[in-house]
Amino acid sequence: MKKQTFLENVIIITGASSGIGRHLALRFAEQGAWLALAARNAEQLEEVSKQCQQRGGKAIIIPTDVAEQSQCKNLIERTIEKYGRIDTLINNAGFGIASRFDELHDLKIFEQIIQVNFFGSVYCTHYALPYIKETNGRLVGISSLRGKFPSATADGYGASKHAMAEFFESLRNELFNTGVSVTIIYPAWVSTGISSRNFRADGTPTGEISIHEKGAMSVETCTQLIIKAVATRKREVIMTLEGKLGLWLYLIAPKIANQILRKKTG
């Protein structure tokens, strides 16, 4: 990857206040990117922005709830107002649920995860796309291995990531020969603390790191893989060997694959 790939590249990152989004912002800043950082927590965004500027990038913060279409529109408009163009949109904002479907008291949280994880990407992409076409830019969706094959729990997270992946796969076909690339990232568990922020059936955070996250891929490694893929405009990245083997097994022996999934969850 050329060191200058993202020099003065105008990059919008949603979910930039923590986890993968925060680390992406810092790494892009080190390459001299011009960043628009979006998330709900303005205080955390401000701290990320300061760190980005210390690393040589430019950064503005635009507090945004991607579940709200009007706020996504504002995110794009504010970015254009500041920088005059958009080169890269990284749809990273999202959250998870630690609950079985049959444990949900109502569907409010199920609807919310679809709204944030799926429609948040749709809204931001809709308003950014005309500008990204002008720059032959990059669209990026941070999905999940749950966007490739099912889990043992129908918690809504996988459904949102499947929908997100299909949307970007289809959009890639729609944008063929426009100069716009579409990259979909399929991480497995990454050590970001996300499992402690996942919601229980009653809507409260778990407050605990899942056993699946302990010993998972480091956020630094995950970020490096994402940036390399975005720089080279790769179609997709399935991050772990286990994930690749799982997909292969699910294709040829779905019954066995589902048995393994149920056993791991249990």
Protein backbone atom coordinates (compact mmCIF):
# COMPACT_ATOMS: atom_id res chain seq x y z
CA MET A 1 0.00 0.00 0.00
CA LYS A 2 1.41 3.40 -0.96
CA LYS A 3 1.97 5.68 2.02
CA GLN A 4 0.28 8.58 0.21
CA THR A 5 -2.92 6.72 -0.68
CA PHE A 6 -5.03 8.62 1.85
CA LEU A 7 -3.14 11.92 1.91
CA GLU A 8 -5.83 14.65 1.88
CA ASN A 9 -8.43 11.96 1.16
CA VAL A 10 -11.77 13.12 2.59
CA ILE A 11 -13.03 10.21 4.69
CA ILE A 12 -16.30 9.95 6.61
CA ILE A 13 -16.28 7.36 9.39
CA THR A 14 -19.48 6.50 11.25
CA GLY A 15 -19.19 4.95 14.69
CA ALA A 16 -15.88 6.82 15.07
CA SER A 17 -16.00 7.39 18.83
CA SER A 18 -14.76 3.94 19.87
CA GLY A 19 -13.66 0.50 18.72
CA ILE A 20 -12.83 -0.13 15.09
CA GLY A 21 -14.07 3.30 14.00
CA ARG A 22 -11.79 5.13 16.42
CA HIS A 23 -8.73 3.13 15.43
CA LEU A 24 -9.46 3.62 11.74
CA ALA A 25 -9.64 7.37 12.30
CA LEU A 26 -6.25 7.41 14.03
CA ARG A 27 -4.57 5.30 11.37
CA PHE A 28 -6.01 7.35 8.50
CA ALA A 29 -4.92 10.55 10.27
CA GLU A 30 -1.36 9.26 10.32
CA GLN A 31 -1.57 9.15 6.51
CA GLY A 32 -2.75 12.76 6.35
CA ALA A 33 -6.43 12.11 5.71
CA TRP A 34 -9.13 14.76 6.10
CA LEU A 35 -11.70 13.21 8.38
CA ALA A 36 -15.36 13.70 9.23
CA LEU A 37 -16.02 11.77 12.43
CA ALA A 38 -19.57 10.72 13.24
CA ALA A 39 -21.10 9.06 16.30
CA ARG A 40 -23.63 9.93 18.98
CA ASN A 41 -21.14 10.71 21.75
CA ALA A 42 -19.79 14.20 21.05
CA GLU A 43 -17.37 14.14 23.99
CA GLN A 44 -15.67 10.96 22.82
CA LEU A 45 -15.60 12.26 19.24
CA GLU A 46 -13.83 15.40 20.42
CA GLU A 47 -11.09 13.33 22.03
CA VAL A 48 -10.65 11.22 18.88
CA SER A 49 -10.51 14.40 16.78
CA LYS A 50 -7.72 15.85 18.94
CA GLN A 51 -5.71 12.64 18.63
CA CYS A 52 -6.20 12.62 14.85
CA GLN A 53 -4.92 16.17 14.54
CA GLN A 54 -1.91 15.34 16.68
CA ARG A 55 -1.13 12.55 14.21
CA GLY A 56 -1.11 14.82 11.18
CA GLY A 57 -4.66 14.60 9.88
CA LYS A 58 -7.51 17.07 9.75
CA ALA A 59 -10.71 16.22 11.58
CA ILE A 60 -14.15 17.62 12.22
CA ILE A 61 -16.74 16.06 14.48
CA ILE A 62 -20.37 15.75 13.44
CA PRO A 63 -22.47 14.15 16.21
CA THR A 64 -24.81 11.79 14.38
CA ASP A 65 -27.36 9.11 15.17
CA VAL A 66 -27.32 7.11 11.92
CA ALA A 67 -30.75 5.70 12.74
CA GLU A 68 -32.12 9.15 11.90
CA GLN A 69 -32.19 9.87 8.17
CA SER A 70 -32.10 13.66 8.65
CA GLN A 71 -28.94 13.38 10.74
CA CYS A 72 -27.24 11.30 8.04
CA LYS A 73 -28.15 13.97 5.51
CA ASN A 74 -26.65 16.59 7.82
CA LEU A 75 -23.46 14.51 8.14
CA ILE A 76 -22.93 14.55 4.40
CA GLU A 77 -23.85 18.23 4.00
CA ARG A 78 -21.51 19.30 6.81
CA THR A 79 -18.67 17.30 5.29
CA ILE A 80 -19.17 18.95 1.90
CA GLU A 81 -19.41 22.35 3.55
CA LYS A 82 -16.04 21.78 5.25
CA TYR A 83 -14.04 19.92 2.61
CA GLY A 84 -15.92 20.40 -0.67
CA ARG A 85 -15.87 16.72 -1.62
CA ILE A 86 -16.10 13.15 -0.32
CA ASP A 87 -13.57 10.49 -1.33
CA THR A 88 -14.37 7.64 1.07
CA LEU A 89 -17.38 6.67 3.18
CA ILE A 90 -16.85 4.03 5.85
CA ASN A 91 -20.15 2.71 7.21
CA ASN A 92 -19.01 1.36 10.54
CA ALA A 93 -21.65 2.37 13.10
CA GLY A 94 -23.50 -0.50 14.71
CA PHE A 95 -24.31 -2.41 17.88
CA GLY A 96 -25.18 -5.94 18.94
CA ILE A 97 -27.64 -7.86 21.08
CA ALA A 98 -26.96 -10.60 23.60
CA SER A 99 -30.37 -12.23 23.58
CA ARG A 100 -32.37 -15.00 21.99
CA PHE A 101 -35.34 -13.98 19.85
CA ASP A 102 -37.76 -15.81 22.14
CA GLU A 103 -36.45 -13.82 25.13
CA LEU A 104 -37.41 -10.44 23.68
CA HIS A 105 -40.31 -8.83 25.54
CA ASP A 106 -41.10 -6.64 22.54
CA LEU A 107 -39.52 -5.92 19.16
CA LYS A 108 -38.34 -2.39 19.83
CA ILE A 109 -34.69 -3.38 20.24
CA PHE A 110 -34.91 -5.70 17.22
CA GLU A 111 -36.21 -2.81 15.12
CA GLN A 112 -33.50 -0.53 16.51
CA ILE A 113 -30.65 -2.81 15.49
CA ILE A 114 -31.99 -3.03 11.93
CA GLN A 115 -32.38 0.75 11.88
CA VAL A 116 -28.82 1.43 13.03
CA ASN A 117 -26.85 -1.39 11.41
CA PHE A 118 -28.71 -1.52 8.10
CA PHE A 119 -30.63 1.68 7.45
CA GLY A 120 -27.80 3.78 8.91
CA SER A 121 -25.58 2.55 6.08
CA VAL A 122 -28.33 3.04 3.51
CA TYR A 123 -29.05 6.62 4.63
CA CYS A 124 -25.40 7.71 4.66
CA THR A 125 -24.67 6.04 1.33
CA HIS A 126 -27.74 7.57 -0.29
CA TYR A 127 -26.68 11.13 0.51
CA ALA A 128 -22.95 10.59 -0.07
CA LEU A 129 -23.15 8.67 -3.34
CA PRO A 130 -23.48 11.63 -5.76
CA TYR A 131 -20.30 13.14 -4.32
CA ILE A 132 -18.43 9.83 -4.26
CA LYS A 133 -19.24 9.35 -7.94
CA GLU A 134 -17.63 12.72 -8.66
CA THR A 135 -14.34 11.59 -7.08
CA ASN A 136 -14.34 7.95 -8.26
CA GLY A 137 -14.29 7.24 -4.57
CA ARG A 138 -14.69 4.35 -2.19
CA LEU A 139 -17.69 2.92 -0.36
CA VAL A 140 -16.98 0.64 2.59
CA GLY A 141 -19.33 -1.46 4.71
CA ILE A 142 -18.12 -2.98 7.98
CA SER A 143 -20.32 -6.06 8.15
CA SER A 144 -19.59 -9.23 10.14
CA LEU A 145 -19.17 -12.95 9.61
CA ARG A 146 -22.80 -12.96 10.77
CA GLY A 147 -23.50 -11.28 7.43
CA LYS A 148 -22.24 -14.39 5.63
CA PHE A 149 -23.89 -17.25 7.50
CA PRO A 150 -26.34 -17.71 10.37
CA SER A 151 -25.80 -17.88 14.10
CA ALA A 152 -27.45 -20.03 16.73
CA THR A 153 -29.55 -17.07 17.92
CA ALA A 154 -31.98 -14.99 15.83
CA ASP A 155 -31.14 -11.79 17.68
CA GLY A 156 -31.44 -9.34 14.80
CA TYR A 157 -27.72 -8.57 14.53
CA GLY A 158 -27.12 -11.20 11.87
CA ALA A 159 -30.21 -10.13 9.96
CA SER A 160 -28.98 -6.53 9.91
CA LYS A 161 -25.55 -7.57 8.68
CA HIS A 162 -26.97 -9.90 6.00
CA ALA A 163 -29.12 -7.02 4.75
CA MET A 164 -26.17 -4.65 4.79
CA ALA A 165 -23.97 -7.09 2.86
CA GLU A 166 -26.60 -7.76 0.20
CA PHE A 167 -27.22 -4.04 -0.22
CA PHE A 168 -23.55 -3.30 -0.87
CA GLU A 169 -23.07 -6.38 -3.06
CA SER A 170 -25.97 -5.25 -5.25
CA LEU A 171 -24.83 -1.64 -5.21
CA ARG A 172 -21.43 -2.75 -6.47
CA ASN A 173 -23.14 -4.20 -9.54
CA GLU A 174 -25.18 -1.04 -9.98
CA LEU A 175 -22.01 1.08 -9.85
CA PHE A 176 -20.06 -1.06 -12.34
CA ASN A 177 -17.92 1.13 -14.61
CA THR A 178 -18.58 4.30 -12.58
CA GLY A 179 -15.15 4.30 -10.95
CA VAL A 180 -16.64 3.80 -7.48
CA SER A 181 -15.38 0.79 -5.54
CA VAL A 182 -17.38 -1.09 -2.91
CA THR A 183 -15.51 -2.98 -0.19
CA ILE A 184 -17.28 -5.16 2.37
CA ILE A 185 -15.44 -6.20 5.52
CA TYR A 186 -16.47 -9.35 7.38
CA PRO A 187 -14.73 -9.39 10.79
CA ALA A 188 -15.14 -12.15 13.33
CA TRP A 189 -14.82 -11.24 17.02
CA VAL A 190 -12.50 -8.25 17.58
CA SER A 191 -11.24 -7.08 20.98
CA THR A 192 -12.97 -3.72 21.19
CA GLY A 193 -15.14 -4.23 24.26
CA ILE A 194 -18.22 -4.39 22.04
CA SER A 195 -19.69 -7.38 23.86
CA SER A 196 -19.89 -5.37 27.10
CA ARG A 197 -21.96 -2.78 25.23
CA ASN A 198 -24.31 -5.32 23.65
CA PHE A 199 -27.89 -5.11 24.86
CA ARG A 200 -29.80 -7.73 26.80
CA ALA A 201 -33.42 -8.50 25.99
CA ASP A 202 -34.56 -5.76 28.39
CA GLY A 203 -32.46 -3.12 26.60
CA THR A 204 -29.71 -2.79 29.22
CA PRO A 205 -26.01 -3.34 28.33
CA THR A 206 -24.41 -6.57 29.48
CA GLY A 207 -21.45 -4.79 31.07
CA GLU A 208 -19.34 -7.92 30.60
CA ILE A 209 -16.82 -9.03 27.98
CA SER A 210 -18.09 -12.14 26.20
CA ILE A 211 -16.04 -15.31 26.31
CA HIS A 212 -15.98 -15.12 22.50
CA GLU A 213 -14.29 -11.71 22.58
CA LYS A 214 -11.58 -12.76 25.01
CA GLY A 215 -8.50 -13.66 23.01
CA ALA A 216 -10.08 -12.42 19.76
CA MET A 217 -8.30 -10.52 16.99
CA SER A 218 -6.77 -7.26 18.18
CA VAL A 219 -8.36 -4.06 16.96
CA GLU A 220 -4.95 -2.99 15.62
CA THR A 221 -4.72 -6.05 13.36
CA CYS A 222 -8.31 -5.63 12.24
CA THR A 223 -7.71 -1.98 11.39
CA GLN A 224 -4.59 -2.75 9.36
CA LEU A 225 -6.50 -5.31 7.30
CA ILE A 226 -9.35 -2.89 6.66
CA ILE A 227 -7.10 -0.02 5.58
CA LYS A 228 -5.15 -2.26 3.20
CA ALA A 229 -8.38 -3.54 1.66
CA VAL A 230 -9.82 -0.03 1.28
CA ALA A 231 -6.58 1.27 -0.24
CA THR A 232 -6.47 -1.50 -2.85
CA ARG A 233 -10.25 -1.39 -3.43
CA LYS A 234 -10.76 -5.06 -2.62
CA ARG A 235 -14.25 -6.50 -3.04
CA GLU A 236 -14.35 -8.13 0.38
CA VAL A 237 -12.29 -9.32 3.30
CA ILE A 238 -13.14 -12.36 5.43
CA MET A 239 -10.75 -11.82 8.28
CA THR A 240 -10.12 -15.18 9.89
CA LEU A 241 -9.18 -18.64 8.66
CA GLU A 242 -11.92 -20.03 10.91
CA GLY A 243 -14.42 -17.80 9.13
CA LYS A 244 -13.26 -18.94 5.69
CA LEU A 245 -13.42 -22.59 6.73
CA GLY A 246 -16.84 -22.03 8.25
CA LEU A 247 -18.18 -20.61 5.00
CA TRP A 248 -16.79 -23.55 3.05
CA LEU A 249 -18.32 -26.02 5.52
CA TYR A 250 -21.68 -24.25 5.44
CA LEU A 251 -21.76 -24.56 1.64
CA ILE A 252 -21.04 -28.27 1.53
CA ALA A 253 -22.45 -29.48 4.86
CA PRO A 254 -24.87 -26.92 6.33
CA LYS A 255 -26.30 -29.37 8.87
CA ILE A 256 -22.89 -30.02 10.40
CA ALA A 257 -22.06 -26.30 10.33
CA ASN A 258 -25.25 -25.50 12.24
CA GLN A 259 -24.49 -28.18 14.81
CA ILE A 260 -21.10 -26.59 15.45
CA LEU A 261 -22.69 -23.14 15.77
CA ARG A 262 -25.21 -24.38 18.31
CA LYS A 263 -22.51 -26.11 20.33
CA LYS A 264 -20.27 -23.03 20.40
CA THR A 265 -23.13 -20.79 21.47
CA GLY A 266 -24.24 -23.16 24.14
